[in-house]
Amino acid sequence: RIIFYIDNIPIREVVRSQAMGGDFPSKPMSLYATIWDGSNWATSGGRYKVNYKFSPYVAEFADLVLHGCAVDPSDRRRACQASDAELYDAITMSADQRTTMETFRKKHMTYSYCHDRIR
């Protein structure tokens, strides 16, 4: 499972399923962020337009921490020690964290590509 956090608040969880097949994730991961205007299609059918009087828009990332087990892409074996592998295979969110994530998403998320059946 992969859990994404911002300021210690879980915002997204991806859980491996049989349907995904193979190793998960199957490719090396990286972080890429952009600021873009999705107001014509990604905000409840264009209901929320970007107000450009607040530009320029700036994103800042600090104290980025990644936890997990490194994998050698040539042999796909875990590079974790057994204790780390057990930790990352068993990691889950607490009930409080799950509630916090759901509250955050209801308040701040207006679009999710996971639920966009049209695009």
PDB file of N, CA and C in Angstrom:
ATOM      1  N   ARG A   1       0.845  -1.179   0.000  1.00  0.00           N
ATOM      2  CA  ARG A   1       0.000   0.000   0.000  1.00  0.00           C
ATOM      3  C   ARG A   1       0.880   1.228   0.000  1.00  0.00           C
ATOM      4  N   ILE A   2       0.369   2.279  -0.612  1.00  0.00           N
ATOM      5  CA  ILE A   2       1.073   3.553  -0.629  1.00  0.00           C
ATOM      6  C   ILE A   2       0.126   4.574  -0.019  1.00  0.00           C
ATOM      7  N   ILE A   3       0.614   5.324   0.964  1.00  0.00           N
ATOM      8  CA  ILE A   3      -0.172   6.366   1.600  1.00  0.00           C
ATOM      9  C   ILE A   3       0.571   7.682   1.405  1.00  0.00           C
ATOM     10  N   PHE A   4      -0.112   8.670   0.835  1.00  0.00           N
ATOM     11  CA  PHE A   4       0.456   9.995   0.614  1.00  0.00           C
ATOM     12  C   PHE A   4      -0.012  10.916   1.737  1.00  0.00           C
ATOM     13  N   TYR A   5       0.925  11.657   2.332  1.00  0.00           N
ATOM     14  CA  TYR A   5       0.620  12.583   3.408  1.00  0.00           C
ATOM     15  C   TYR A   5       1.065  13.985   3.029  1.00  0.00           C
ATOM     16  N   ILE A   6       0.322  14.974   3.492  1.00  0.00           N
ATOM     17  CA  ILE A   6       0.752  16.372   3.439  1.00  0.00           C
ATOM     18  C   ILE A   6       0.576  16.915   4.840  1.00  0.00           C
ATOM     19  N   ASP A   7       1.649  17.423   5.413  1.00  0.00           N
ATOM     20  CA  ASP A   7       1.643  17.934   6.787  1.00  0.00           C
ATOM     21  C   ASP A   7       1.056  16.911   7.758  1.00  0.00           C
ATOM     22  N   ASN A   8       1.487  15.668   7.610  1.00  0.00           N
ATOM     23  CA  ASN A   8       1.060  14.557   8.460  1.00  0.00           C
ATOM     24  C   ASN A   8      -0.419  14.216   8.347  1.00  0.00           C
ATOM     25  N   ILE A   9      -1.078  14.704   7.309  1.00  0.00           N
ATOM     26  CA  ILE A   9      -2.478  14.362   7.056  1.00  0.00           C
ATOM     27  C   ILE A   9      -2.506  13.428   5.860  1.00  0.00           C
ATOM     28  N   PRO A  10      -3.048  12.218   6.023  1.00  0.00           N
ATOM     29  CA  PRO A  10      -3.138  11.330   4.867  1.00  0.00           C
ATOM     30  C   PRO A  10      -4.144  11.894   3.861  1.00  0.00           C
ATOM     31  N   ILE A  11      -3.739  11.975   2.584  1.00  0.00           N
ATOM     32  CA  ILE A  11      -4.636  12.537   1.571  1.00  0.00           C
ATOM     33  C   ILE A  11      -5.024  11.527   0.501  1.00  0.00           C
ATOM     34  N   ARG A  12      -4.261  10.434   0.411  1.00  0.00           N
ATOM     35  CA  ARG A  12      -4.574   9.420  -0.600  1.00  0.00           C
ATOM     36  C   ARG A  12      -3.957   8.100  -0.199  1.00  0.00           C
ATOM     37  N   GLU A  13      -4.668   7.017  -0.490  1.00  0.00           N
ATOM     38  CA  GLU A  13      -4.172   5.678  -0.217  1.00  0.00           C
ATOM     39  C   GLU A  13      -4.402   4.824  -1.453  1.00  0.00           C
ATOM     40  N   VAL A  14      -3.376   4.135  -1.856  1.00  0.00           N
ATOM     41  CA  VAL A  14      -3.472   3.207  -2.978  1.00  0.00           C
ATOM     42  C   VAL A  14      -3.117   1.827  -2.428  1.00  0.00           C
ATOM     43  N   VAL A  15      -4.043   0.885  -2.557  1.00  0.00           N
ATOM     44  CA  VAL A  15      -3.842  -0.454  -2.024  1.00  0.00           C
ATOM     45  C   VAL A  15      -3.700  -1.428  -3.183  1.00  0.00           C
ATOM     46  N   ARG A  16      -2.670  -2.264  -3.114  1.00  0.00           N
ATOM     47  CA  ARG A  16      -2.452  -3.255  -4.173  1.00  0.00           C
ATOM     48  C   ARG A  16      -3.606  -4.248  -4.182  1.00  0.00           C
ATOM     49  N   SER A  17      -4.050  -4.585  -5.379  1.00  0.00           N
ATOM     50  CA  SER A  17      -5.097  -5.591  -5.535  1.00  0.00           C
ATOM     51  C   SER A  17      -4.631  -6.638  -6.544  1.00  0.00           C
ATOM     52  N   GLN A  18      -5.282  -7.768  -6.563  1.00  0.00           N
ATOM     53  CA  GLN A  18      -4.953  -8.827  -7.522  1.00  0.00           C
ATOM     54  C   GLN A  18      -5.097  -8.323  -8.957  1.00  0.00           C
ATOM     55  N   ALA A  19      -6.077  -7.444  -9.186  1.00  0.00           N
ATOM     56  CA  ALA A  19      -6.321  -6.932 -10.533  1.00  0.00           C
ATOM     57  C   ALA A  19      -5.124  -6.141 -11.075  1.00  0.00           C
ATOM     58  N   MET A  20      -4.321  -5.543 -10.186  1.00  0.00           N
ATOM     59  CA  MET A  20      -3.151  -4.790 -10.625  1.00  0.00           C
ATOM     60  C   MET A  20      -2.080  -5.709 -11.179  1.00  0.00           C
ATOM     61  N   GLY A  21      -2.019  -6.913 -10.658  1.00  0.00           N
ATOM     62  CA  GLY A  21      -1.053  -7.894 -11.127  1.00  0.00           C
ATOM     63  C   GLY A  21       0.388  -7.483 -10.872  1.00  0.00           C
ATOM     64  N   GLY A  22       1.260  -8.442 -10.818  1.00  0.00           N
ATOM     65  CA  GLY A  22       2.694  -8.191 -10.692  1.00  0.00           C
ATOM     66  C   GLY A  22       3.067  -7.424  -9.444  1.00  0.00           C
ATOM     67  N   ASP A  23       4.273  -6.895  -9.475  1.00  0.00           N
ATOM     68  CA  ASP A  23       4.756  -6.098  -8.363  1.00  0.00           C
ATOM     69  C   ASP A  23       4.087  -4.736  -8.368  1.00  0.00           C
ATOM     70  N   PHE A  24       3.961  -4.159  -7.207  1.00  0.00           N
ATOM     71  CA  PHE A  24       3.286  -2.877  -7.076  1.00  0.00           C
ATOM     72  C   PHE A  24       4.100  -1.985  -6.177  1.00  0.00           C
ATOM     73  N   PRO A  25       4.476  -0.796  -6.558  1.00  0.00           N
ATOM     74  CA  PRO A  25       4.388  -0.311  -7.932  1.00  0.00           C
ATOM     75  C   PRO A  25       5.402  -1.024  -8.816  1.00  0.00           C
ATOM     76  N   SER A  26       5.135  -1.079 -10.078  1.00  0.00           N
ATOM     77  CA  SER A  26       5.980  -1.849 -10.992  1.00  0.00           C
ATOM     78  C   SER A  26       7.109  -1.013 -11.595  1.00  0.00           C
ATOM     79  N   LYS A  27       7.101   0.272 -11.373  1.00  0.00           N
ATOM     80  CA  LYS A  27       8.141   1.145 -11.914  1.00  0.00           C
ATOM     81  C   LYS A  27       8.658   2.047 -10.797  1.00  0.00           C
ATOM     82  N   PRO A  28       9.874   2.566 -10.938  1.00  0.00           N
ATOM     83  CA  PRO A  28      10.378   3.512  -9.937  1.00  0.00           C
ATOM     84  C   PRO A  28       9.440   4.708  -9.825  1.00  0.00           C
ATOM     85  N   MET A  29       9.311   5.226  -8.623  1.00  0.00           N
ATOM     86  CA  MET A  29       8.413   6.351  -8.394  1.00  0.00           C
ATOM     87  C   MET A  29       9.215   7.636  -8.224  1.00  0.00           C
ATOM     88  N   SER A  30       8.559   8.755  -8.535  1.00  0.00           N
ATOM     89  CA  SER A  30       9.147  10.068  -8.308  1.00  0.00           C
ATOM     90  C   SER A  30       8.011  11.029  -8.003  1.00  0.00           C
ATOM     91  N   LEU A  31       8.358  12.218  -7.560  1.00  0.00           N
ATOM     92  CA  LEU A  31       7.366  13.239  -7.264  1.00  0.00           C
ATOM     93  C   LEU A  31       7.468  14.311  -8.335  1.00  0.00           C
ATOM     94  N   TYR A  32       6.337  14.661  -8.909  1.00  0.00           N
ATOM     95  CA  TYR A  32       6.284  15.689  -9.936  1.00  0.00           C
ATOM     96  C   TYR A  32       5.058  16.538  -9.636  1.00  0.00           C
ATOM     97  N   ALA A  33       5.211  17.833  -9.597  1.00  0.00           N
ATOM     98  CA  ALA A  33       4.083  18.706  -9.287  1.00  0.00           C
ATOM     99  C   ALA A  33       4.046  19.862 -10.271  1.00  0.00           C
ATOM    100  N   THR A  34       2.844  20.244 -10.636  1.00  0.00           N
ATOM    101  CA  THR A  34       2.644  21.404 -11.492  1.00  0.00           C
ATOM    102  C   THR A  34       1.454  22.188 -10.960  1.00  0.00           C
ATOM    103  N   ILE A  35       1.356  23.398 -11.380  1.00  0.00           N
ATOM    104  CA  ILE A  35       0.179  24.210 -11.092  1.00  0.00           C
ATOM    105  C   ILE A  35      -0.467  24.477 -12.443  1.00  0.00           C
ATOM    106  N   TRP A  36      -1.732  24.135 -12.577  1.00  0.00           N
ATOM    107  CA  TRP A  36      -2.397  24.257 -13.867  1.00  0.00           C
ATOM    108  C   TRP A  36      -3.837  24.677 -13.672  1.00  0.00           C
ATOM    109  N   ASP A  37      -4.422  25.205 -14.707  1.00  0.00           N
ATOM    110  CA  ASP A  37      -5.802  25.671 -14.665  1.00  0.00           C
ATOM    111  C   ASP A  37      -6.723  24.568 -15.179  1.00  0.00           C
ATOM    112  N   GLY A  38      -7.373  23.901 -14.275  1.00  0.00           N
ATOM    113  CA  GLY A  38      -8.335  22.865 -14.639  1.00  0.00           C
ATOM    114  C   GLY A  38      -9.764  23.340 -14.450  1.00  0.00           C
ATOM    115  N   SER A  39      -9.959  24.661 -14.356  1.00  0.00           N
ATOM    116  CA  SER A  39     -11.279  25.181 -14.001  1.00  0.00           C
ATOM    117  C   SER A  39     -12.340  24.953 -15.068  1.00  0.00           C
ATOM    118  N   ASN A  40     -11.945  24.687 -16.307  1.00  0.00           N
ATOM    119  CA  ASN A  40     -12.955  24.433 -17.335  1.00  0.00           C
ATOM    120  C   ASN A  40     -13.491  23.013 -17.317  1.00  0.00           C
ATOM    121  N   TRP A  41     -12.782  22.085 -16.663  1.00  0.00           N
ATOM    122  CA  TRP A  41     -13.238  20.701 -16.716  1.00  0.00           C
ATOM    123  C   TRP A  41     -13.089  19.938 -15.409  1.00  0.00           C
ATOM    124  N   ALA A  42     -12.217  20.378 -14.499  1.00  0.00           N
ATOM    125  CA  ALA A  42     -11.932  19.563 -13.322  1.00  0.00           C
ATOM    126  C   ALA A  42     -12.577  20.077 -12.044  1.00  0.00           C
ATOM    127  N   THR A  43     -13.453  21.043 -12.141  1.00  0.00           N
ATOM    128  CA  THR A  43     -14.048  21.598 -10.930  1.00  0.00           C
ATOM    129  C   THR A  43     -15.567  21.540 -11.021  1.00  0.00           C
ATOM    130  N   SER A  44     -16.070  20.346 -10.888  1.00  0.00           N
ATOM    131  CA  SER A  44     -17.523  20.138 -10.922  1.00  0.00           C
ATOM    132  C   SER A  44     -18.131  20.758 -12.173  1.00  0.00           C
ATOM    133  N   GLY A  45     -17.574  20.390 -13.321  1.00  0.00           N
ATOM    134  CA  GLY A  45     -18.093  20.877 -14.600  1.00  0.00           C
ATOM    135  C   GLY A  45     -17.797  22.332 -14.876  1.00  0.00           C
ATOM    136  N   GLY A  46     -16.720  22.864 -14.295  1.00  0.00           N
ATOM    137  CA  GLY A  46     -16.346  24.256 -14.540  1.00  0.00           C
ATOM    138  C   GLY A  46     -17.008  25.237 -13.586  1.00  0.00           C
ATOM    139  N   ARG A  47     -17.560  24.744 -12.493  1.00  0.00           N
ATOM    140  CA  ARG A  47     -18.267  25.606 -11.541  1.00  0.00           C
ATOM    141  C   ARG A  47     -17.323  26.584 -10.834  1.00  0.00           C
ATOM    142  N   TYR A  48     -16.069  26.157 -10.596  1.00  0.00           N
ATOM    143  CA  TYR A  48     -15.116  27.006  -9.878  1.00  0.00           C
ATOM    144  C   TYR A  48     -14.033  27.466 -10.843  1.00  0.00           C
ATOM    145  N   LYS A  49     -14.046  28.741 -11.182  1.00  0.00           N
ATOM    146  CA  LYS A  49     -13.060  29.299 -12.104  1.00  0.00           C
ATOM    147  C   LYS A  49     -11.841  29.810 -11.339  1.00  0.00           C
ATOM    148  N   VAL A  50     -10.684  29.795 -12.013  1.00  0.00           N
ATOM    149  CA  VAL A  50      -9.465  30.343 -11.423  1.00  0.00           C
ATOM    150  C   VAL A  50      -9.587  31.862 -11.402  1.00  0.00           C
ATOM    151  N   ASN A  51      -9.217  32.458 -10.279  1.00  0.00           N
ATOM    152  CA  ASN A  51      -9.209  33.911 -10.164  1.00  0.00           C
ATOM    153  C   ASN A  51      -7.754  34.356 -10.290  1.00  0.00           C
ATOM    154  N   TYR A  52      -7.398  34.891 -11.439  1.00  0.00           N
ATOM    155  CA  TYR A  52      -6.011  35.221 -11.724  1.00  0.00           C
ATOM    156  C   TYR A  52      -5.510  36.445 -10.959  1.00  0.00           C
ATOM    157  N   LYS A  53      -6.364  37.155 -10.245  1.00  0.00           N
ATOM    158  CA  LYS A  53      -5.874  38.285  -9.454  1.00  0.00           C
ATOM    159  C   LYS A  53      -4.995  37.809  -8.302  1.00  0.00           C
ATOM    160  N   PHE A  54      -5.042  36.511  -7.965  1.00  0.00           N
ATOM    161  CA  PHE A  54      -4.218  35.966  -6.889  1.00  0.00           C
ATOM    162  C   PHE A  54      -2.894  35.390  -7.409  1.00  0.00           C
ATOM    163  N   SER A  55      -2.614  35.546  -8.691  1.00  0.00           N
ATOM    164  CA  SER A  55      -1.369  35.004  -9.235  1.00  0.00           C
ATOM    165  C   SER A  55      -0.198  35.912  -8.867  1.00  0.00           C
ATOM    166  N   PRO A  56       1.036  35.508  -8.960  1.00  0.00           N
ATOM    167  CA  PRO A  56       1.467  34.195  -9.435  1.00  0.00           C
ATOM    168  C   PRO A  56       1.237  33.126  -8.367  1.00  0.00           C
ATOM    169  N   TYR A  57       1.007  31.924  -8.827  1.00  0.00           N
ATOM    170  CA  TYR A  57       0.764  30.796  -7.944  1.00  0.00           C
ATOM    171  C   TYR A  57       2.087  30.077  -7.698  1.00  0.00           C
ATOM    172  N   VAL A  58       2.367  29.799  -6.471  1.00  0.00           N
ATOM    173  CA  VAL A  58       3.647  29.212  -6.100  1.00  0.00           C
ATOM    174  C   VAL A  58       3.401  27.985  -5.232  1.00  0.00           C
ATOM    175  N   ALA A  59       4.122  26.932  -5.507  1.00  0.00           N
ATOM    176  CA  ALA A  59       4.091  25.739  -4.655  1.00  0.00           C
ATOM    177  C   ALA A  59       5.471  25.582  -4.039  1.00  0.00           C
ATOM    178  N   GLU A  60       5.491  25.207  -2.787  1.00  0.00           N
ATOM    179  CA  GLU A  60       6.760  25.011  -2.110  1.00  0.00           C
ATOM    180  C   GLU A  60       6.717  23.698  -1.353  1.00  0.00           C
ATOM    181  N   PHE A  61       7.781  22.930  -1.473  1.00  0.00           N
ATOM    182  CA  PHE A  61       7.892  21.661  -0.776  1.00  0.00           C
ATOM    183  C   PHE A  61       9.097  21.733   0.133  1.00  0.00           C
ATOM    184  N   ALA A  62       8.897  21.376   1.396  1.00  0.00           N
ATOM    185  CA  ALA A  62       9.994  21.389   2.354  1.00  0.00           C
ATOM    186  C   ALA A  62       9.910  20.146   3.213  1.00  0.00           C
ATOM    187  N   ASP A  63      11.038  19.708   3.702  1.00  0.00           N
ATOM    188  CA  ASP A  63      11.096  18.554   4.595  1.00  0.00           C
ATOM    189  C   ASP A  63      10.418  17.322   3.996  1.00  0.00           C
ATOM    190  N   LEU A  64      10.652  17.087   2.725  1.00  0.00           N
ATOM    191  CA  LEU A  64      10.078  15.926   2.058  1.00  0.00           C
ATOM    192  C   LEU A  64      10.762  14.670   2.574  1.00  0.00           C
ATOM    193  N   VAL A  65       9.964  13.726   3.041  1.00  0.00           N
ATOM    194  CA  VAL A  65      10.495  12.478   3.577  1.00  0.00           C
ATOM    195  C   VAL A  65       9.803  11.319   2.871  1.00  0.00           C
ATOM    196  N   LEU A  66      10.585  10.390   2.375  1.00  0.00           N
ATOM    197  CA  LEU A  66      10.047   9.191   1.729  1.00  0.00           C
ATOM    198  C   LEU A  66      10.438   7.979   2.560  1.00  0.00           C
ATOM    199  N   HIS A  67       9.474   7.119   2.837  1.00  0.00           N
ATOM    200  CA  HIS A  67       9.736   5.889   3.572  1.00  0.00           C
ATOM    201  C   HIS A  67       9.330   4.721   2.689  1.00  0.00           C
ATOM    202  N   GLY A  68      10.066   3.663   2.739  1.00  0.00           N
ATOM    203  CA  GLY A  68       9.715   2.483   1.961  1.00  0.00           C
ATOM    204  C   GLY A  68      10.930   1.610   1.746  1.00  0.00           C
ATOM    205  N   CYS A  69      10.749   0.601   0.927  1.00  0.00           N
ATOM    206  CA  CYS A  69      11.828  -0.332   0.630  1.00  0.00           C
ATOM    207  C   CYS A  69      12.299  -0.094  -0.799  1.00  0.00           C
ATOM    208  N   ALA A  70      13.591   0.123  -0.974  1.00  0.00           N
ATOM    209  CA  ALA A  70      14.145   0.290  -2.319  1.00  0.00           C
ATOM    210  C   ALA A  70      14.159  -1.048  -3.035  1.00  0.00           C
ATOM    211  N   VAL A  71      13.961  -1.025  -4.341  1.00  0.00           N
ATOM    212  CA  VAL A  71      13.962  -2.236  -5.152  1.00  0.00           C
ATOM    213  C   VAL A  71      14.935  -2.053  -6.296  1.00  0.00           C
ATOM    214  N   ASP A  72      15.785  -3.038  -6.511  1.00  0.00           N
ATOM    215  CA  ASP A  72      16.691  -3.018  -7.648  1.00  0.00           C
ATOM    216  C   ASP A  72      15.883  -3.415  -8.875  1.00  0.00           C
ATOM    217  N   PRO A  73      15.703  -2.518  -9.858  1.00  0.00           N
ATOM    218  CA  PRO A  73      14.859  -2.835 -11.006  1.00  0.00           C
ATOM    219  C   PRO A  73      15.361  -4.017 -11.840  1.00  0.00           C
ATOM    220  N   SER A  74      16.638  -4.345 -11.727  1.00  0.00           N
ATOM    221  CA  SER A  74      17.154  -5.451 -12.543  1.00  0.00           C
ATOM    222  C   SER A  74      16.750  -6.815 -11.997  1.00  0.00           C
ATOM    223  N   ASP A  75      16.599  -6.935 -10.675  1.00  0.00           N
ATOM    224  CA  ASP A  75      16.222  -8.254 -10.149  1.00  0.00           C
ATOM    225  C   ASP A  75      14.943  -8.222  -9.312  1.00  0.00           C
ATOM    226  N   ARG A  76      14.413  -7.030  -9.057  1.00  0.00           N
ATOM    227  CA  ARG A  76      13.138  -6.847  -8.363  1.00  0.00           C
ATOM    228  C   ARG A  76      13.087  -7.468  -6.973  1.00  0.00           C
ATOM    229  N   ARG A  77      14.234  -7.720  -6.381  1.00  0.00           N
ATOM    230  CA  ARG A  77      14.236  -8.185  -4.992  1.00  0.00           C
ATOM    231  C   ARG A  77      14.227  -6.986  -4.075  1.00  0.00           C
ATOM    232  N   ARG A  78      13.631  -7.139  -2.928  1.00  0.00           N
ATOM    233  CA  ARG A  78      13.612  -6.060  -1.963  1.00  0.00           C
ATOM    234  C   ARG A  78      15.002  -5.817  -1.413  1.00  0.00           C
ATOM    235  N   ALA A  79      15.299  -4.551  -1.179  1.00  0.00           N
ATOM    236  CA  ALA A  79      16.568  -4.198  -0.560  1.00  0.00           C
ATOM    237  C   ALA A  79      16.375  -3.908   0.929  1.00  0.00           C
ATOM    238  N   CYS A  80      15.176  -4.141   1.457  1.00  0.00           N
ATOM    239  CA  CYS A  80      14.893  -3.876   2.866  1.00  0.00           C
ATOM    240  C   CYS A  80      15.403  -5.002   3.741  1.00  0.00           C
ATOM    241  N   GLN A  81      15.687  -4.634   4.958  1.00  0.00           N
ATOM    242  CA  GLN A  81      15.946  -5.646   5.965  1.00  0.00           C
ATOM    243  C   GLN A  81      14.597  -6.274   6.315  1.00  0.00           C
ATOM    244  N   ALA A  82      14.597  -7.460   6.850  1.00  0.00           N
ATOM    245  CA  ALA A  82      13.360  -8.171   7.168  1.00  0.00           C
ATOM    246  C   ALA A  82      12.436  -7.342   8.051  1.00  0.00           C
ATOM    247  N   SER A  83      12.992  -6.650   9.051  1.00  0.00           N
ATOM    248  CA  SER A  83      12.140  -5.860   9.953  1.00  0.00           C
ATOM    249  C   SER A  83      11.450  -4.719   9.202  1.00  0.00           C
ATOM    250  N   ASP A  84      12.172  -4.060   8.268  1.00  0.00           N
ATOM    251  CA  ASP A  84      11.561  -2.996   7.474  1.00  0.00           C
ATOM    252  C   ASP A  84      10.495  -3.551   6.548  1.00  0.00           C
ATOM    253  N   ALA A  85      10.765  -4.681   5.916  1.00  0.00           N
ATOM    254  CA  ALA A  85       9.793  -5.289   5.008  1.00  0.00           C
ATOM    255  C   ALA A  85       8.498  -5.607   5.748  1.00  0.00           C
ATOM    256  N   GLU A  86       8.608  -6.135   6.959  1.00  0.00           N
ATOM    257  CA  GLU A  86       7.406  -6.425   7.737  1.00  0.00           C
ATOM    258  C   GLU A  86       6.646  -5.144   8.043  1.00  0.00           C
ATOM    259  N   LEU A  87       7.363  -4.074   8.390  1.00  0.00           N
ATOM    260  CA  LEU A  87       6.722  -2.800   8.697  1.00  0.00           C
ATOM    261  C   LEU A  87       5.956  -2.259   7.498  1.00  0.00           C
ATOM    262  N   TYR A  88       6.608  -2.219   6.333  1.00  0.00           N
ATOM    263  CA  TYR A  88       5.970  -1.602   5.175  1.00  0.00           C
ATOM    264  C   TYR A  88       4.917  -2.501   4.546  1.00  0.00           C
ATOM    265  N   ASP A  89       5.007  -3.790   4.700  1.00  0.00           N
ATOM    266  CA  ASP A  89       3.952  -4.673   4.206  1.00  0.00           C
ATOM    267  C   ASP A  89       2.702  -4.579   5.060  1.00  0.00           C
ATOM    268  N   ALA A  90       2.836  -4.235   6.336  1.00  0.00           N
ATOM    269  CA  ALA A  90       1.715  -4.253   7.257  1.00  0.00           C
ATOM    270  C   ALA A  90       1.159  -2.861   7.564  1.00  0.00           C
ATOM    271  N   ILE A  91       1.771  -1.824   7.011  1.00  0.00           N
ATOM    272  CA  ILE A  91       1.361  -0.471   7.378  1.00  0.00           C
ATOM    273  C   ILE A  91      -0.092  -0.203   6.979  1.00  0.00           C
ATOM    274  N   THR A  92      -0.828   0.376   7.881  1.00  0.00           N
ATOM    275  CA  THR A  92      -2.216   0.755   7.619  1.00  0.00           C
ATOM    276  C   THR A  92      -2.482   2.083   8.303  1.00  0.00           C
ATOM    277  N   MET A  93      -3.587   2.685   7.957  1.00  0.00           N
ATOM    278  CA  MET A  93      -3.991   3.914   8.624  1.00  0.00           C
ATOM    279  C   MET A  93      -4.872   3.565   9.819  1.00  0.00           C
ATOM    280  N   SER A  94      -4.758   4.350  10.873  1.00  0.00           N
ATOM    281  CA  SER A  94      -5.651   4.179  12.017  1.00  0.00           C
ATOM    282  C   SER A  94      -7.035   4.704  11.632  1.00  0.00           C
ATOM    283  N   ALA A  95      -8.016   4.397  12.442  1.00  0.00           N
ATOM    284  CA  ALA A  95      -9.377   4.887  12.183  1.00  0.00           C
ATOM    285  C   ALA A  95      -9.397   6.414  12.206  1.00  0.00           C
ATOM    286  N   ASP A  96      -8.636   7.019  13.131  1.00  0.00           N
ATOM    287  CA  ASP A  96      -8.581   8.480  13.201  1.00  0.00           C
ATOM    288  C   ASP A  96      -7.943   9.071  11.942  1.00  0.00           C
ATOM    289  N   GLN A  97      -6.867   8.443  11.452  1.00  0.00           N
ATOM    290  CA  GLN A  97      -6.222   8.925  10.228  1.00  0.00           C
ATOM    291  C   GLN A  97      -7.161   8.800   9.031  1.00  0.00           C
ATOM    292  N   ARG A  98      -7.902   7.710   8.946  1.00  0.00           N
ATOM    293  CA  ARG A  98      -8.839   7.511   7.839  1.00  0.00           C
ATOM    294  C   ARG A  98      -9.937   8.580   7.877  1.00  0.00           C
ATOM    295  N   THR A  99     -10.442   8.876   9.063  1.00  0.00           N
ATOM    296  CA  THR A  99     -11.455   9.929   9.213  1.00  0.00           C
ATOM    297  C   THR A  99     -10.887  11.279   8.818  1.00  0.00           C
ATOM    298  N   THR A 100      -9.643  11.556   9.239  1.00  0.00           N
ATOM    299  CA  THR A 100      -8.979  12.809   8.880  1.00  0.00           C
ATOM    300  C   THR A 100      -8.823  12.915   7.369  1.00  0.00           C
ATOM    301  N   MET A 101      -8.440  11.814   6.717  1.00  0.00           N
ATOM    302  CA  MET A 101      -8.289  11.818   5.269  1.00  0.00           C
ATOM    303  C   MET A 101      -9.631  12.091   4.589  1.00  0.00           C
ATOM    304  N   GLU A 102     -10.669  11.432   5.013  1.00  0.00           N
ATOM    305  CA  GLU A 102     -11.986  11.625   4.400  1.00  0.00           C
ATOM    306  C   GLU A 102     -12.476  13.061   4.582  1.00  0.00           C
ATOM    307  N   THR A 103     -12.257  13.629   5.762  1.00  0.00           N
ATOM    308  CA  THR A 103     -12.647  15.018   6.024  1.00  0.00           C
ATOM    309  C   THR A 103     -11.866  15.966   5.131  1.00  0.00           C
ATOM    310  N   PHE A 104     -10.550  15.750   5.028  1.00  0.00           N
ATOM    311  CA  PHE A 104      -9.698  16.576   4.168  1.00  0.00           C
ATOM    312  C   PHE A 104     -10.180  16.527   2.722  1.00  0.00           C
ATOM    313  N   ARG A 105     -10.449  15.321   2.225  1.00  0.00           N
ATOM    314  CA  ARG A 105     -10.844  15.165   0.824  1.00  0.00           C
ATOM    315  C   ARG A 105     -12.203  15.816   0.563  1.00  0.00           C
ATOM    316  N   LYS A 106     -13.143  15.698   1.475  1.00  0.00           N
ATOM    317  CA  LYS A 106     -14.452  16.337   1.293  1.00  0.00           C
ATOM    318  C   LYS A 106     -14.327  17.853   1.255  1.00  0.00           C
ATOM    319  N   LYS A 107     -13.420  18.379   2.068  1.00  0.00           N
ATOM    320  CA  LYS A 107     -13.262  19.827   2.162  1.00  0.00           C
ATOM    321  C   LYS A 107     -12.469  20.415   0.998  1.00  0.00           C
ATOM    322  N   HIS A 108     -11.434  19.710   0.531  1.00  0.00           N
ATOM    323  CA  HIS A 108     -10.498  20.308  -0.421  1.00  0.00           C
ATOM    324  C   HIS A 108     -10.502  19.706  -1.819  1.00  0.00           C
ATOM    325  N   MET A 109     -10.993  18.511  -2.004  1.00  0.00           N
ATOM    326  CA  MET A 109     -10.877  17.869  -3.306  1.00  0.00           C
ATOM    327  C   MET A 109     -12.147  18.074  -4.130  1.00  0.00           C
ATOM    328  N   THR A 110     -11.978  18.708  -5.292  1.00  0.00           N
ATOM    329  CA  THR A 110     -13.125  18.904  -6.175  1.00  0.00           C
ATOM    330  C   THR A 110     -13.063  17.992  -7.392  1.00  0.00           C
ATOM    331  N   TYR A 111     -11.922  17.340  -7.601  1.00  0.00           N
ATOM    332  CA  TYR A 111     -11.782  16.469  -8.763  1.00  0.00           C
ATOM    333  C   TYR A 111     -10.825  15.329  -8.440  1.00  0.00           C
ATOM    334  N   SER A 112     -11.156  14.137  -8.889  1.00  0.00           N
ATOM    335  CA  SER A 112     -10.266  12.984  -8.745  1.00  0.00           C
ATOM    336  C   SER A 112     -10.258  12.220 -10.063  1.00  0.00           C
ATOM    337  N   TYR A 113      -9.088  12.085 -10.660  1.00  0.00           N
ATOM    338  CA  TYR A 113      -9.016  11.337 -11.911  1.00  0.00           C
ATOM    339  C   TYR A 113      -9.418   9.887 -11.718  1.00  0.00           C
ATOM    340  N   CYS A 114      -9.346   9.386 -10.489  1.00  0.00           N
ATOM    341  CA  CYS A 114      -9.744   8.002 -10.231  1.00  0.00           C
ATOM    342  C   CYS A 114     -11.227   7.774 -10.461  1.00  0.00           C
ATOM    343  N   HIS A 115     -12.010   8.830 -10.311  1.00  0.00           N
ATOM    344  CA  HIS A 115     -13.464   8.700 -10.449  1.00  0.00           C
ATOM    345  C   HIS A 115     -13.990   9.352 -11.725  1.00  0.00           C
ATOM    346  N   ASP A 116     -13.105   9.785 -12.600  1.00  0.00           N
ATOM    347  CA  ASP A 116     -13.505  10.450 -13.845  1.00  0.00           C
ATOM    348  C   ASP A 116     -13.705   9.392 -14.925  1.00  0.00           C
ATOM    349  N   ARG A 117     -14.912   8.971 -15.122  1.00  0.00           N
ATOM    350  CA  ARG A 117     -15.207   7.913 -16.106  1.00  0.00           C
ATOM    351  C   ARG A 117     -15.262   8.447 -17.540  1.00  0.00           C
ATOM    352  N   ILE A 118     -15.431   9.755 -17.697  1.00  0.00           N
ATOM    353  CA  ILE A 118     -15.505  10.356 -19.033  1.00  0.00           C
ATOM    354  C   ILE A 118     -14.128  10.460 -19.665  1.00  0.00           C
ATOM    355  N   ARG A 119     -13.123  10.906 -18.892  1.00  0.00           N
ATOM    356  CA  ARG A 119     -11.781  11.108 -19.423  1.00  0.00           C
ATOM    357  C   ARG A 119     -10.915   9.916 -19.135  1.00  0.00           C
TER     358      ARG A 119
END
